Protein backbone atom coordinates (compact mmCIF):
# COMPACT_ATOMS: atom_id res chain seq x y z
CA UNK A 1 -0.01 0.03 -0.03
CA UNK A 2 1.18 3.52 -0.78
CA UNK A 3 -0.40 6.42 1.19
CA UNK A 4 0.27 9.87 -0.06
CA UNK A 5 -0.48 13.28 1.43
CA UNK A 6 -0.33 16.02 -1.08
CA UNK A 7 1.23 19.04 0.60
CA UNK A 8 0.98 22.63 -0.60
CA UNK A 9 4.72 22.68 -1.25
CA UNK A 10 4.77 19.43 -3.21
CA UNK A 11 6.25 19.72 -6.67
CA UNK A 12 5.02 16.13 -7.62
CA UNK A 13 1.73 15.58 -9.40
CA UNK A 14 -0.74 12.76 -8.68
CA UNK A 15 0.17 11.21 -12.01
CA UNK A 16 3.88 11.27 -11.06
CA UNK A 17 3.12 9.50 -7.73
CA UNK A 18 1.10 6.82 -9.68
CA UNK A 19 3.99 6.33 -12.07
CA UNK A 20 6.40 5.81 -9.12
CA UNK A 21 3.97 3.39 -7.48
CA UNK A 22 3.80 1.30 -10.64
CA UNK A 23 7.58 1.23 -10.85
CA UNK A 24 7.89 -0.13 -7.31
CA UNK A 25 5.06 -2.57 -7.93
CA UNK A 26 2.39 -1.31 -5.49
CA UNK A 27 -1.10 -2.65 -5.83
CA UNK A 28 -2.95 0.03 -3.93
CA UNK A 29 -2.45 3.82 -3.97
CA UNK A 30 -4.17 6.07 -1.37
CA UNK A 31 -4.20 9.87 -1.65
CA UNK A 32 -5.24 12.21 1.07
CA UNK A 33 -5.59 15.97 0.77
CA UNK A 34 -5.08 18.58 3.37
CA UNK A 35 -6.77 21.89 3.96
CA UNK A 36 -5.33 24.51 6.36
CA UNK A 37 -8.00 26.57 8.16
CA UNK A 38 -5.45 28.51 10.20
CA UNK A 39 -5.05 31.85 8.40
CA UNK A 40 -1.48 32.14 9.65
CA UNK A 41 -0.63 28.64 8.42
CA UNK A 42 1.77 28.06 5.56
CA UNK A 43 -0.78 26.30 3.44
CA UNK A 44 -3.77 28.62 4.11
CA UNK A 45 -5.66 29.46 0.91
CA UNK A 46 -3.71 26.84 -1.18
CA UNK A 47 -6.32 24.09 -1.29
CA UNK A 48 -8.19 23.88 -4.60
CA UNK A 49 -10.75 21.00 -4.44
CA UNK A 50 -11.56 21.16 -8.14
CA UNK A 51 -7.89 20.89 -9.13
CA UNK A 52 -7.25 18.05 -6.68
CA UNK A 53 -10.25 15.98 -7.70
CA UNK A 54 -9.76 16.61 -11.37
CA UNK A 55 -6.23 15.33 -11.13
CA UNK A 56 -7.28 12.49 -8.91
CA UNK A 57 -10.10 11.35 -11.22
CA UNK A 58 -7.87 11.58 -14.24
CA UNK A 59 -5.33 9.28 -12.60
CA UNK A 60 -8.10 6.84 -11.55
CA UNK A 61 -9.14 6.65 -15.23
CA UNK A 62 -5.65 6.45 -16.68
CA UNK A 63 -4.42 3.88 -14.13
CA UNK A 64 -7.46 1.61 -13.98
CA UNK A 65 -5.29 -1.44 -13.35
CA UNK A 66 -4.36 0.05 -9.95
CA UNK A 67 -6.67 0.47 -6.95
CA UNK A 68 -6.52 4.25 -6.43
CA UNK A 69 -8.30 5.69 -3.43
């Protein structure tokens, strides 16, 4: 199992994570997102649900042979 937390400072896309998971032969890939409600927090205002779920759904479609959650 591969569990990923996408951080606001991550330079890696969901697709890149999937490619890496395939290379190291993982059967399941889990993604979690993070939203910062603290206005003083580093990641405040970063979260974009539409972008995250668009990328996530594209990866699920492209990598159907993997179990992506």
